[in-house]
Structures are given as C-alpha cells and as structure tokens.
Amino acid sequence: MMSLIRDTLNLAFNSRLMSNTHPRLEDLLAVSGIIVETAALTARSAQRKIRRAAHPRRGRTLHPGADTPLWNELVSALRQKLTRYGDKARLARFLGLPRQRIDDFLIGRRALPDAERTLLLLQWLEAKNRGIDLG
C-alpha cells in the first residue's frame, strides 16, 4: 500500500505535468506527500500494536499490576504484617535479599520475586499469623 502511494507521488512529481503546475501547488503537493507517508507509518505502527495485543503473553515475565491479582493480595497481607520498625530488614535477612529488593516487591511494585522466595514469603506470612517470629 505504501509503495503504491510512494510510486504515485513520485510519478506526479516527476511527470511533465509538474513543470506546468503552479508553484504554490508544488508546495501543497510536497506537504501532502509528507502527510500521506506519516499516515501510512502511523497505520503500520497501529497494526503492529493490534497484532501484539491479539497474542497472549505466553512465556513472558509477569510484572506486578492488574494482571497479578494473587500477588496483589499477598502484598497487601504482607504489608499489614510489616508494621514495626525493622520488620522489612528482618524479612530481607530471612529471604537472603537486600532490603531495597523488599521495597521493590512490596512498596514500589516494580518487580516480582522468584518462585522459591515467593514460597518463603508465604511461609513467613503464615508464621507471623501464628505469632512465630522467623526473621
């Protein structure tokens, strides 16, 4: 489609009719060519986005958000238990992570832990609910 438009515009610019065209129309033809090319690029970009949205995200890494409702529930339960000063630091030591990663998981929601650490988080939460301090 775009090559057909480009060929048509090139033909119009290179034809003999162009030499008989009023100078003001030449400028308008040049601007319209730019507009047509921009519209074609925009259409191609939109088509790529639609194609990407049609395919599910199989096998890709999940990011925290609306697509991770179970993680969101776990985060809210963990945040209720992390009320005392130093709780996040103790949890980080229990998981073997820097405290900043705990902040990324629970506060910033910029990352998700791996499976093993998620299971450790569930274990830590269950122990906290029973009144046992693991960290």
C-alpha atoms as a PDB file:
ATOM      1  CA  MET A   1       0.000   0.000   0.000  1.00  0.00           C
ATOM      2  CA  MET A   2       2.708   2.458   0.994  1.00  0.00           C
ATOM      3  CA  SER A   3       4.842   1.619  -2.040  1.00  0.00           C
ATOM      4  CA  LEU A   4       1.851   2.258  -4.312  1.00  0.00           C
ATOM      5  CA  ILE A   5       1.320   5.681  -2.714  1.00  0.00           C
ATOM      6  CA  ARG A   6       5.027   6.478  -2.945  1.00  0.00           C
ATOM      7  CA  ASP A   7       5.143   5.430  -6.595  1.00  0.00           C
ATOM      8  CA  THR A   8       2.111   7.562  -7.371  1.00  0.00           C
ATOM      9  CA  LEU A   9       3.642  10.581  -5.665  1.00  0.00           C
ATOM     10  CA  ASN A  10       6.962  10.080  -7.433  1.00  0.00           C
ATOM     11  CA  LEU A  11       5.161   9.797 -10.740  1.00  0.00           C
ATOM     12  CA  ALA A  12       3.292  13.025 -10.046  1.00  0.00           C
ATOM     13  CA  PHE A  13       6.446  14.876  -9.071  1.00  0.00           C
ATOM     14  CA  ASN A  14       8.497  13.570 -11.946  1.00  0.00           C
ATOM     15  CA  SER A  15       5.869  13.879 -14.645  1.00  0.00           C
ATOM     16  CA  ARG A  16       5.689  16.596 -17.233  1.00  0.00           C
ATOM     17  CA  LEU A  17       2.560  17.925 -15.569  1.00  0.00           C
ATOM     18  CA  MET A  18       4.724  19.031 -12.656  1.00  0.00           C
ATOM     19  CA  SER A  19       6.505  21.553 -14.862  1.00  0.00           C
ATOM     20  CA  ASN A  20       3.144  23.094 -15.792  1.00  0.00           C
ATOM     21  CA  THR A  21       1.925  23.190 -12.175  1.00  0.00           C
ATOM     22  CA  HIS A  22       1.620  26.459 -10.342  1.00  0.00           C
ATOM     23  CA  PRO A  23       4.467  26.959  -7.806  1.00  0.00           C
ATOM     24  CA  ARG A  24       2.064  27.172  -4.876  1.00  0.00           C
ATOM     25  CA  LEU A  25       0.574  23.806  -5.815  1.00  0.00           C
ATOM     26  CA  GLU A  26       4.043  22.245  -5.845  1.00  0.00           C
ATOM     27  CA  ASP A  27       4.434  23.134  -2.162  1.00  0.00           C
ATOM     28  CA  LEU A  28       0.994  21.732  -1.382  1.00  0.00           C
ATOM     29  CA  LEU A  29       1.832  18.518  -3.231  1.00  0.00           C
ATOM     30  CA  ALA A  30       5.056  18.160  -1.249  1.00  0.00           C
ATOM     31  CA  VAL A  31       3.240  18.691   2.066  1.00  0.00           C
ATOM     32  CA  SER A  32       0.504  16.244   1.091  1.00  0.00           C
ATOM     33  CA  GLY A  33       3.176  13.654   0.274  1.00  0.00           C
ATOM     34  CA  ILE A  34       4.631  14.050   3.755  1.00  0.00           C
ATOM     35  CA  ILE A  35       1.163  13.734   5.298  1.00  0.00           C
ATOM     36  CA  VAL A  36       0.436  10.582   3.313  1.00  0.00           C
ATOM     37  CA  GLU A  37       3.737   8.965   4.355  1.00  0.00           C
ATOM     38  CA  THR A  38       3.156   9.883   8.009  1.00  0.00           C
ATOM     39  CA  ALA A  39      -0.351   8.429   7.889  1.00  0.00           C
ATOM     40  CA  ALA A  40       0.979   5.202   6.373  1.00  0.00           C
ATOM     41  CA  LEU A  41       3.668   4.902   9.079  1.00  0.00           C
ATOM     42  CA  THR A  42       1.072   5.537  11.790  1.00  0.00           C
ATOM     43  CA  ALA A  43      -1.225   2.899  10.307  1.00  0.00           C
ATOM     44  CA  ARG A  44       1.627   0.379  10.217  1.00  0.00           C
ATOM     45  CA  SER A  45       2.511   1.129  13.841  1.00  0.00           C
ATOM     46  CA  ALA A  46      -1.124   0.734  14.926  1.00  0.00           C
ATOM     47  CA  GLN A  47      -1.348  -2.543  13.032  1.00  0.00           C
ATOM     48  CA  ARG A  48       1.730  -3.851  14.913  1.00  0.00           C
ATOM     49  CA  LYS A  49       0.219  -2.851  18.260  1.00  0.00           C
ATOM     50  CA  ILE A  50      -3.062  -4.571  17.424  1.00  0.00           C
ATOM     51  CA  ARG A  51      -1.207  -7.704  16.363  1.00  0.00           C
ATOM     52  CA  ARG A  52       0.801  -7.680  19.621  1.00  0.00           C
ATOM     53  CA  ALA A  53      -2.339  -7.224  21.716  1.00  0.00           C
ATOM     54  CA  ALA A  54      -4.042 -10.142  19.979  1.00  0.00           C
ATOM     55  CA  HIS A  55      -1.321 -12.569  21.078  1.00  0.00           C
ATOM     56  CA  PRO A  56      -1.339 -13.620  24.727  1.00  0.00           C
ATOM     57  CA  ARG A  57       1.804 -13.072  26.760  1.00  0.00           C
ATOM     58  CA  ARG A  58       2.656 -16.764  26.995  1.00  0.00           C
ATOM     59  CA  GLY A  59       6.059 -17.430  28.477  1.00  0.00           C
ATOM     60  CA  ARG A  60       6.848 -13.793  29.212  1.00  0.00           C
ATOM     61  CA  THR A  61       7.809 -12.456  32.601  1.00  0.00           C
ATOM     62  CA  LEU A  62       4.924 -11.059  34.597  1.00  0.00           C
ATOM     63  CA  HIS A  63       5.089  -7.595  36.085  1.00  0.00           C
ATOM     64  CA  PRO A  64       3.138  -6.503  39.162  1.00  0.00           C
ATOM     65  CA  GLY A  65      -0.182  -4.908  38.343  1.00  0.00           C
ATOM     66  CA  ALA A  66      -3.727  -5.745  37.380  1.00  0.00           C
ATOM     67  CA  ASP A  67      -2.595  -8.995  35.710  1.00  0.00           C
ATOM     68  CA  THR A  68      -1.303 -10.374  39.041  1.00  0.00           C
ATOM     69  CA  PRO A  69      -4.270 -10.423  41.453  1.00  0.00           C
ATOM     70  CA  LEU A  70      -2.823 -13.161  43.686  1.00  0.00           C
ATOM     71  CA  TRP A  71       0.429 -11.264  44.099  1.00  0.00           C
ATOM     72  CA  ASN A  72      -1.542  -8.104  44.914  1.00  0.00           C
ATOM     73  CA  GLU A  73      -3.371  -9.964  47.695  1.00  0.00           C
ATOM     74  CA  LEU A  74      -0.127 -11.372  49.072  1.00  0.00           C
ATOM     75  CA  VAL A  75       1.440  -7.902  49.070  1.00  0.00           C
ATOM     76  CA  SER A  76      -1.480  -6.404  50.975  1.00  0.00           C
ATOM     77  CA  ALA A  77      -1.317  -9.219  53.568  1.00  0.00           C
ATOM     78  CA  LEU A  78       2.453  -8.788  53.941  1.00  0.00           C
ATOM     79  CA  ARG A  79       2.205  -5.011  54.302  1.00  0.00           C
ATOM     80  CA  GLN A  80      -0.259  -5.463  57.169  1.00  0.00           C
ATOM     81  CA  LYS A  81       2.348  -7.562  58.995  1.00  0.00           C
ATOM     82  CA  LEU A  82       5.260  -5.199  58.314  1.00  0.00           C
ATOM     83  CA  THR A  83       4.245  -2.503  60.778  1.00  0.00           C
ATOM     84  CA  ARG A  84       7.073  -2.416  63.313  1.00  0.00           C
ATOM     85  CA  TYR A  85      10.396  -0.701  62.774  1.00  0.00           C
ATOM     86  CA  GLY A  86      12.892  -3.172  61.266  1.00  0.00           C
ATOM     87  CA  ASP A  87      10.302  -5.686  60.014  1.00  0.00           C
ATOM     88  CA  LYS A  88      11.332  -5.225  56.380  1.00  0.00           C
ATOM     89  CA  ALA A  89      15.013  -5.602  57.279  1.00  0.00           C
ATOM     90  CA  ARG A  90      14.286  -8.834  59.178  1.00  0.00           C
ATOM     91  CA  LEU A  91      12.215 -10.135  56.258  1.00  0.00           C
ATOM     92  CA  ALA A  92      15.044  -9.273  53.863  1.00  0.00           C
ATOM     93  CA  ARG A  93      17.523 -11.233  56.001  1.00  0.00           C
ATOM     94  CA  PHE A  94      15.101 -14.176  56.095  1.00  0.00           C
ATOM     95  CA  LEU A  95      14.835 -14.147  52.290  1.00  0.00           C
ATOM     96  CA  GLY A  96      18.542 -13.503  51.757  1.00  0.00           C
ATOM     97  CA  LEU A  97      17.916 -10.296  49.826  1.00  0.00           C
ATOM     98  CA  PRO A  98      18.890  -6.652  50.222  1.00  0.00           C
ATOM     99  CA  ARG A  99      16.241  -4.533  51.943  1.00  0.00           C
ATOM    100  CA  GLN A 100      15.826  -2.485  48.746  1.00  0.00           C
ATOM    101  CA  ARG A 101      14.523  -5.564  46.916  1.00  0.00           C
ATOM    102  CA  ILE A 102      11.816  -5.981  49.552  1.00  0.00           C
ATOM    103  CA  ASP A 103      10.864  -2.384  48.900  1.00  0.00           C
ATOM    104  CA  ASP A 104      10.771  -3.113  45.150  1.00  0.00           C
ATOM    105  CA  PHE A 105       8.449  -6.065  45.744  1.00  0.00           C
ATOM    106  CA  LEU A 106       6.085  -4.606  48.319  1.00  0.00           C
ATOM    107  CA  ILE A 107       6.138  -0.818  48.157  1.00  0.00           C
ATOM    108  CA  GLY A 108       7.281   0.127  44.654  1.00  0.00           C
ATOM    109  CA  ARG A 109       5.761  -2.943  42.999  1.00  0.00           C
ATOM    110  CA  ARG A 110       8.464  -2.820  40.346  1.00  0.00           C
ATOM    111  CA  ALA A 111       9.411  -6.499  40.497  1.00  0.00           C
ATOM    112  CA  LEU A 112       8.228  -9.954  41.452  1.00  0.00           C
ATOM    113  CA  PRO A 113      10.295 -12.447  43.467  1.00  0.00           C
ATOM    114  CA  ASP A 114      11.219 -15.815  42.063  1.00  0.00           C
ATOM    115  CA  ALA A 115       9.178 -18.900  42.965  1.00  0.00           C
ATOM    116  CA  GLU A 116      11.371 -20.005  45.870  1.00  0.00           C
ATOM    117  CA  ARG A 117      11.262 -16.595  47.544  1.00  0.00           C
ATOM    118  CA  THR A 118       7.513 -16.345  46.975  1.00  0.00           C
ATOM    119  CA  LEU A 119       7.107 -19.626  48.847  1.00  0.00           C
ATOM    120  CA  LEU A 120       9.349 -18.270  51.598  1.00  0.00           C
ATOM    121  CA  LEU A 121       7.144 -15.153  51.766  1.00  0.00           C
ATOM    122  CA  LEU A 122       4.078 -17.368  52.200  1.00  0.00           C
ATOM    123  CA  GLN A 123       5.865 -19.339  54.919  1.00  0.00           C
ATOM    124  CA  TRP A 124       6.918 -16.116  56.689  1.00  0.00           C
ATOM    125  CA  LEU A 125       3.349 -14.753  56.498  1.00  0.00           C
ATOM    126  CA  GLU A 126       1.893 -17.978  57.915  1.00  0.00           C
ATOM    127  CA  ALA A 127       4.403 -17.925  60.763  1.00  0.00           C
ATOM    128  CA  LYS A 128       3.548 -14.273  61.503  1.00  0.00           C
ATOM    129  CA  ASN A 129      -0.163 -15.133  61.554  1.00  0.00           C
ATOM    130  CA  ARG A 130       0.575 -17.840  64.144  1.00  0.00           C
ATOM    131  CA  GLY A 131       2.674 -15.449  66.221  1.00  0.00           C
ATOM    132  CA  ILE A 132       6.032 -17.037  65.393  1.00  0.00           C
ATOM    133  CA  ASP A 133       8.926 -14.716  64.503  1.00  0.00           C
ATOM    134  CA  LEU A 134      11.108 -16.270  61.787  1.00  0.00           C
ATOM    135  CA  GLY A 135      13.268 -13.232  60.999  1.00  0.00           C
END
